[in-house]
Amino acid sequence: MYNIAGGSHSQLRHLRDKHNLDANGPIQKKRRLTFNGDISTAGPIEQALVNQRISDFSPERFKTALLRWMAYANMSFRQVELPQFHELLQEAYAEIGTAGCLPTAHTLVSWIKRDFHHYDTVAVPSRTT
């Protein structure tokens, strides 16, 4: 029925790209799978929700959660420099590097010192009374 075996490459590409046709007939659109394996029905509403979650990413909350997790698990600061850990973070949030939250051991130490000095200045007046 669809005889598109002959002809130039550009005509074949046009039929495939613009009209979703190949030698076997109409090309079925590929459906994307979501993280839990369900077929995605990502429409405008779902996309808006995804965009909202991405914009809700808080670097400060992430830093606090990471430091707490490392303290409770008694982890070395060097563990965050492993390439596998960076891959894990980038899988969870692809823009984590551009958000300035892809940590190094030096970064963690500076976060802790900054927080210590912040809370130390808050606690100093109460110690003098």
N, C-alpha and C. Protein backbone atom coordinates (compact mmCIF):
# COMPACT_ATOMS: atom_id res chain seq x y z
N MET A 1 0.82 -1.19 0.00
CA MET A 1 0.00 0.00 0.00
C MET A 1 0.87 1.26 0.00
N TYR A 2 1.91 1.28 0.85
CA TYR A 2 2.82 2.42 0.90
C TYR A 2 4.13 2.00 0.23
N ASN A 3 4.28 2.31 -1.03
CA ASN A 3 5.47 1.93 -1.77
C ASN A 3 6.46 3.08 -1.70
N ILE A 4 7.27 3.05 -0.67
CA ILE A 4 8.25 4.13 -0.52
C ILE A 4 9.67 3.57 -0.54
N ALA A 5 9.84 2.37 -1.12
CA ALA A 5 11.16 1.74 -1.16
C ALA A 5 12.08 2.45 -2.14
N GLY A 6 11.54 3.00 -3.21
CA GLY A 6 12.38 3.69 -4.18
C GLY A 6 12.39 5.18 -3.91
N GLY A 7 13.22 5.90 -4.62
CA GLY A 7 13.25 7.35 -4.48
C GLY A 7 14.48 7.82 -3.74
N SER A 8 14.59 9.10 -3.64
CA SER A 8 15.77 9.66 -2.99
C SER A 8 15.63 9.61 -1.48
N HIS A 9 16.74 9.77 -0.85
CA HIS A 9 16.78 9.72 0.61
C HIS A 9 15.97 10.85 1.23
N SER A 10 16.00 12.02 0.62
CA SER A 10 15.27 13.15 1.20
C SER A 10 13.76 12.93 1.15
N GLN A 11 13.27 12.27 0.10
CA GLN A 11 11.84 11.97 0.03
C GLN A 11 11.45 10.97 1.11
N LEU A 12 12.29 9.95 1.31
CA LEU A 12 12.01 8.96 2.35
C LEU A 12 12.03 9.61 3.73
N ARG A 13 13.00 10.47 3.95
CA ARG A 13 13.09 11.17 5.24
C ARG A 13 11.87 12.07 5.44
N HIS A 14 11.42 12.74 4.38
CA HIS A 14 10.24 13.60 4.47
C HIS A 14 9.01 12.79 4.87
N LEU A 15 8.81 11.64 4.22
CA LEU A 15 7.66 10.80 4.55
C LEU A 15 7.73 10.32 6.00
N ARG A 16 8.93 9.95 6.43
CA ARG A 16 9.09 9.46 7.80
C ARG A 16 8.89 10.58 8.81
N ASP A 17 9.54 11.72 8.61
CA ASP A 17 9.51 12.79 9.60
C ASP A 17 8.22 13.61 9.61
N LYS A 18 7.71 13.92 8.44
CA LYS A 18 6.55 14.81 8.37
C LYS A 18 5.21 14.07 8.39
N HIS A 19 5.21 12.85 7.81
CA HIS A 19 3.94 12.13 7.67
C HIS A 19 3.90 10.83 8.47
N ASN A 20 4.97 10.53 9.20
CA ASN A 20 5.05 9.31 10.00
C ASN A 20 4.73 8.06 9.19
N LEU A 21 5.35 7.94 8.02
CA LEU A 21 5.16 6.78 7.15
C LEU A 21 6.51 6.14 6.85
N ASP A 22 6.51 4.80 6.83
CA ASP A 22 7.67 4.08 6.34
C ASP A 22 7.18 2.99 5.40
N ALA A 23 8.04 2.05 5.02
CA ALA A 23 7.66 1.01 4.06
C ALA A 23 6.55 0.12 4.60
N ASN A 24 6.39 0.03 5.91
CA ASN A 24 5.35 -0.82 6.52
C ASN A 24 4.06 -0.06 6.80
N GLY A 25 4.01 1.20 6.50
CA GLY A 25 2.80 1.97 6.75
C GLY A 25 3.04 3.02 7.82
N PRO A 26 1.97 3.41 8.53
CA PRO A 26 2.11 4.45 9.55
C PRO A 26 3.06 4.00 10.67
N ILE A 27 3.88 4.92 11.11
CA ILE A 27 4.82 4.65 12.20
C ILE A 27 4.11 4.95 13.52
N GLN A 28 4.16 3.99 14.42
CA GLN A 28 3.58 4.20 15.74
C GLN A 28 4.46 5.15 16.52
N LYS A 29 3.85 6.13 17.15
CA LYS A 29 4.61 7.06 17.96
C LYS A 29 5.14 6.32 19.18
N LYS A 30 6.38 6.62 19.53
CA LYS A 30 6.97 6.03 20.72
C LYS A 30 6.38 6.71 21.94
N ARG A 31 6.01 5.88 22.91
CA ARG A 31 5.47 6.42 24.14
C ARG A 31 6.57 6.41 25.19
N ARG A 32 6.68 7.51 25.89
CA ARG A 32 7.69 7.60 26.93
C ARG A 32 7.18 6.95 28.20
N LEU A 33 8.09 6.34 28.93
CA LEU A 33 7.74 5.74 30.21
C LEU A 33 8.15 6.68 31.33
N THR A 34 7.33 6.72 32.36
CA THR A 34 7.68 7.52 33.52
C THR A 34 8.61 6.72 34.41
N PHE A 35 9.05 7.32 35.49
CA PHE A 35 10.03 6.70 36.38
C PHE A 35 9.52 5.37 36.93
N ASN A 36 8.23 5.30 37.28
CA ASN A 36 7.71 4.08 37.86
C ASN A 36 7.24 3.08 36.81
N GLY A 37 7.46 3.34 35.54
CA GLY A 37 7.17 2.37 34.50
C GLY A 37 5.81 2.56 33.84
N ASP A 38 4.98 3.43 34.34
CA ASP A 38 3.68 3.67 33.71
C ASP A 38 3.87 4.44 32.42
N ILE A 39 2.95 4.26 31.50
CA ILE A 39 3.01 5.00 30.25
C ILE A 39 2.71 6.46 30.52
N SER A 40 3.55 7.31 30.01
CA SER A 40 3.41 8.73 30.26
C SER A 40 2.27 9.32 29.44
N THR A 41 1.47 10.11 30.11
CA THR A 41 0.42 10.87 29.43
C THR A 41 0.71 12.34 29.63
N ALA A 42 1.98 12.68 29.51
CA ALA A 42 2.42 14.03 29.83
C ALA A 42 1.78 15.05 28.90
N GLY A 43 0.80 15.73 29.42
CA GLY A 43 0.17 16.81 28.69
C GLY A 43 0.62 18.12 29.29
N PRO A 44 -0.04 19.19 28.91
CA PRO A 44 0.35 20.50 29.43
C PRO A 44 0.25 20.62 30.95
N ILE A 45 -0.77 19.99 31.54
CA ILE A 45 -0.94 20.08 32.99
C ILE A 45 0.18 19.34 33.71
N GLU A 46 0.47 18.11 33.24
CA GLU A 46 1.54 17.33 33.85
C GLU A 46 2.88 18.04 33.69
N GLN A 47 3.12 18.61 32.52
CA GLN A 47 4.38 19.31 32.28
C GLN A 47 4.50 20.52 33.20
N ALA A 48 3.40 21.21 33.43
CA ALA A 48 3.42 22.35 34.33
C ALA A 48 3.77 21.92 35.75
N LEU A 49 3.26 20.75 36.17
CA LEU A 49 3.59 20.24 37.50
C LEU A 49 5.07 19.87 37.60
N VAL A 50 5.60 19.26 36.55
CA VAL A 50 7.03 18.93 36.54
C VAL A 50 7.86 20.20 36.62
N ASN A 51 7.49 21.20 35.84
CA ASN A 51 8.21 22.47 35.86
C ASN A 51 8.15 23.12 37.24
N GLN A 52 7.01 23.01 37.91
CA GLN A 52 6.85 23.58 39.25
C GLN A 52 7.78 22.88 40.23
N ARG A 53 7.87 21.55 40.14
CA ARG A 53 8.76 20.82 41.05
C ARG A 53 10.21 21.22 40.84
N ILE A 54 10.59 21.41 39.58
CA ILE A 54 11.96 21.81 39.30
C ILE A 54 12.23 23.20 39.86
N SER A 55 11.28 24.11 39.70
CA SER A 55 11.50 25.47 40.21
C SER A 55 11.44 25.51 41.73
N ASP A 56 10.86 24.48 42.37
CA ASP A 56 10.79 24.43 43.82
C ASP A 56 12.08 23.92 44.46
N PHE A 57 13.07 23.53 43.66
CA PHE A 57 14.33 23.03 44.20
C PHE A 57 15.00 24.14 45.00
N SER A 58 15.30 23.82 46.24
CA SER A 58 15.94 24.80 47.12
C SER A 58 17.36 24.34 47.43
N PRO A 59 18.36 25.06 46.93
CA PRO A 59 19.74 24.69 47.23
C PRO A 59 20.03 24.65 48.73
N GLU A 60 19.46 25.56 49.50
CA GLU A 60 19.72 25.58 50.94
C GLU A 60 19.14 24.34 51.63
N ARG A 61 17.92 23.95 51.26
CA ARG A 61 17.34 22.73 51.84
C ARG A 61 18.16 21.50 51.44
N PHE A 62 18.64 21.49 50.19
CA PHE A 62 19.47 20.37 49.73
C PHE A 62 20.75 20.30 50.55
N LYS A 63 21.41 21.43 50.75
CA LYS A 63 22.67 21.46 51.50
C LYS A 63 22.45 20.96 52.93
N THR A 64 21.38 21.43 53.56
CA THR A 64 21.08 21.01 54.93
C THR A 64 20.80 19.51 54.99
N ALA A 65 20.00 19.01 54.06
CA ALA A 65 19.68 17.58 54.05
C ALA A 65 20.92 16.73 53.80
N LEU A 66 21.78 17.17 52.90
CA LEU A 66 23.01 16.42 52.61
C LEU A 66 23.92 16.37 53.83
N LEU A 67 24.12 17.51 54.49
CA LEU A 67 24.98 17.54 55.67
C LEU A 67 24.41 16.70 56.81
N ARG A 68 23.11 16.75 57.01
CA ARG A 68 22.50 15.93 58.06
C ARG A 68 22.66 14.44 57.77
N TRP A 69 22.42 14.06 56.52
CA TRP A 69 22.55 12.66 56.12
C TRP A 69 23.98 12.18 56.36
N MET A 70 24.96 12.99 55.97
CA MET A 70 26.35 12.60 56.15
C MET A 70 26.72 12.50 57.63
N ALA A 71 26.20 13.40 58.45
CA ALA A 71 26.50 13.36 59.88
C ALA A 71 25.88 12.13 60.54
N TYR A 72 24.62 11.86 60.23
CA TYR A 72 23.95 10.71 60.84
C TYR A 72 24.55 9.39 60.36
N ALA A 73 25.03 9.33 59.12
CA ALA A 73 25.61 8.11 58.57
C ALA A 73 27.11 8.02 58.85
N ASN A 74 27.67 9.05 59.52
CA ASN A 74 29.09 9.09 59.84
C ASN A 74 29.95 8.89 58.59
N MET A 75 29.64 9.66 57.55
CA MET A 75 30.34 9.53 56.28
C MET A 75 31.48 10.54 56.18
N SER A 76 32.52 10.13 55.48
CA SER A 76 33.66 11.00 55.21
C SER A 76 33.26 12.06 54.18
N PHE A 77 33.84 13.24 54.31
CA PHE A 77 33.56 14.29 53.33
C PHE A 77 34.03 13.89 51.94
N ARG A 78 35.04 13.05 51.86
CA ARG A 78 35.57 12.61 50.56
C ARG A 78 34.57 11.77 49.78
N GLN A 79 33.59 11.18 50.45
CA GLN A 79 32.61 10.34 49.76
C GLN A 79 31.81 11.12 48.72
N VAL A 80 31.61 12.40 48.95
CA VAL A 80 30.82 13.20 48.01
C VAL A 80 31.59 13.51 46.73
N GLU A 81 32.87 13.23 46.71
CA GLU A 81 33.67 13.49 45.51
C GLU A 81 33.71 12.29 44.57
N LEU A 82 33.12 11.18 44.98
CA LEU A 82 33.09 10.00 44.11
C LEU A 82 32.26 10.29 42.86
N PRO A 83 32.73 9.89 41.69
CA PRO A 83 31.97 10.11 40.46
C PRO A 83 30.59 9.46 40.51
N GLN A 84 30.50 8.32 41.18
CA GLN A 84 29.21 7.63 41.28
C GLN A 84 28.20 8.46 42.07
N PHE A 85 28.66 9.15 43.10
CA PHE A 85 27.76 10.00 43.88
C PHE A 85 27.29 11.18 43.05
N HIS A 86 28.20 11.77 42.28
CA HIS A 86 27.81 12.89 41.40
C HIS A 86 26.82 12.42 40.34
N GLU A 87 27.02 11.21 39.79
CA GLU A 87 26.07 10.67 38.81
C GLU A 87 24.70 10.49 39.44
N LEU A 88 24.67 10.00 40.68
CA LEU A 88 23.40 9.81 41.39
C LEU A 88 22.67 11.14 41.55
N LEU A 89 23.39 12.16 41.97
CA LEU A 89 22.77 13.48 42.15
C LEU A 89 22.26 14.03 40.83
N GLN A 90 23.03 13.85 39.76
CA GLN A 90 22.62 14.38 38.46
C GLN A 90 21.45 13.60 37.88
N GLU A 91 21.31 12.32 38.24
CA GLU A 91 20.13 11.57 37.82
C GLU A 91 18.89 12.10 38.52
N ALA A 92 19.04 12.45 39.79
CA ALA A 92 17.91 12.97 40.55
C ALA A 92 17.52 14.37 40.09
N TYR A 93 18.51 15.18 39.78
CA TYR A 93 18.24 16.56 39.36
C TYR A 93 19.34 16.98 38.40
N ALA A 94 19.03 17.01 37.13
CA ALA A 94 20.03 17.22 36.08
C ALA A 94 20.73 18.57 36.20
N GLU A 95 20.07 19.57 36.74
CA GLU A 95 20.64 20.92 36.81
C GLU A 95 21.35 21.19 38.13
N ILE A 96 21.67 20.15 38.88
CA ILE A 96 22.28 20.36 40.20
C ILE A 96 23.64 21.03 40.09
N GLY A 97 24.36 20.75 39.03
CA GLY A 97 25.67 21.38 38.84
C GLY A 97 25.55 22.86 38.59
N THR A 98 24.59 23.26 37.75
CA THR A 98 24.41 24.68 37.46
C THR A 98 23.79 25.41 38.65
N ALA A 99 23.11 24.68 39.54
CA ALA A 99 22.56 25.30 40.74
C ALA A 99 23.64 25.51 41.80
N GLY A 100 24.84 25.02 41.53
CA GLY A 100 25.95 25.19 42.46
C GLY A 100 25.90 24.26 43.65
N CYS A 101 25.26 23.12 43.48
CA CYS A 101 25.09 22.20 44.60
C CYS A 101 25.79 20.86 44.41
N LEU A 102 26.65 20.74 43.41
CA LEU A 102 27.41 19.51 43.23
C LEU A 102 28.62 19.62 44.15
N PRO A 103 28.57 18.93 45.29
CA PRO A 103 29.52 19.23 46.36
C PRO A 103 30.89 18.57 46.19
N THR A 104 31.86 19.17 46.85
CA THR A 104 33.19 18.60 47.05
C THR A 104 33.43 18.59 48.55
N ALA A 105 34.49 17.94 48.98
CA ALA A 105 34.81 17.92 50.41
C ALA A 105 35.06 19.34 50.92
N HIS A 106 35.76 20.13 50.14
CA HIS A 106 36.04 21.52 50.53
C HIS A 106 34.74 22.32 50.65
N THR A 107 33.81 22.08 49.73
CA THR A 107 32.52 22.78 49.76
C THR A 107 31.76 22.44 51.04
N LEU A 108 31.74 21.16 51.41
CA LEU A 108 31.03 20.76 52.63
C LEU A 108 31.62 21.44 53.86
N VAL A 109 32.94 21.48 53.94
CA VAL A 109 33.59 22.13 55.08
C VAL A 109 33.22 23.61 55.12
N SER A 110 33.20 24.27 53.98
CA SER A 110 32.84 25.70 53.96
C SER A 110 31.38 25.90 54.35
N TRP A 111 30.48 24.99 53.93
CA TRP A 111 29.07 25.10 54.34
C TRP A 111 28.95 24.97 55.85
N ILE A 112 29.66 24.01 56.42
CA ILE A 112 29.58 23.78 57.87
C ILE A 112 30.14 24.99 58.63
N LYS A 113 31.27 25.51 58.19
CA LYS A 113 31.85 26.69 58.86
C LYS A 113 30.93 27.89 58.76
N ARG A 114 30.33 28.09 57.59
CA ARG A 114 29.41 29.21 57.40
C ARG A 114 28.22 29.09 58.35
N ASP A 115 27.64 27.88 58.42
CA ASP A 115 26.50 27.69 59.32
C ASP A 115 26.91 27.83 60.78
N PHE A 116 28.09 27.33 61.12
CA PHE A 116 28.57 27.45 62.49
C PHE A 116 28.70 28.92 62.88
N HIS A 117 29.32 29.71 62.03
CA HIS A 117 29.50 31.14 62.34
C HIS A 117 28.16 31.86 62.38
N HIS A 118 27.22 31.45 61.56
CA HIS A 118 25.89 32.07 61.59
C HIS A 118 25.21 31.79 62.93
N TYR A 119 25.21 30.52 63.35
CA TYR A 119 24.54 30.18 64.60
C TYR A 119 25.35 30.61 65.81
N ASP A 120 26.66 30.70 65.68
CA ASP A 120 27.50 31.16 66.78
C ASP A 120 27.19 32.62 67.11
N THR A 121 27.00 33.46 66.10
CA THR A 121 26.67 34.86 66.35
C THR A 121 25.28 35.01 66.94
N VAL A 122 24.39 34.09 66.61
CA VAL A 122 23.04 34.13 67.18
C VAL A 122 23.08 33.68 68.63
N ALA A 123 23.93 32.70 68.95
CA ALA A 123 23.99 32.14 70.30
C ALA A 123 24.82 32.98 71.26
N VAL A 124 25.74 33.78 70.78
CA VAL A 124 26.63 34.56 71.65
C VAL A 124 25.86 35.48 72.59
N PRO A 125 24.88 36.27 72.13
CA PRO A 125 24.18 37.16 73.08
C PRO A 125 23.48 36.40 74.19
N SER A 126 22.97 35.21 73.92
CA SER A 126 22.27 34.49 74.97
C SER A 126 23.23 33.90 75.99
N ARG A 127 24.50 33.68 75.62
CA ARG A 127 25.48 33.15 76.57
C ARG A 127 25.95 34.22 77.55
N THR A 128 25.91 35.47 77.17
CA THR A 128 26.41 36.54 78.04
C THR A 128 25.40 36.96 79.09
N THR A 129 24.15 36.57 78.93
CA THR A 129 23.14 36.99 79.92
C THR A 129 22.93 35.95 80.97
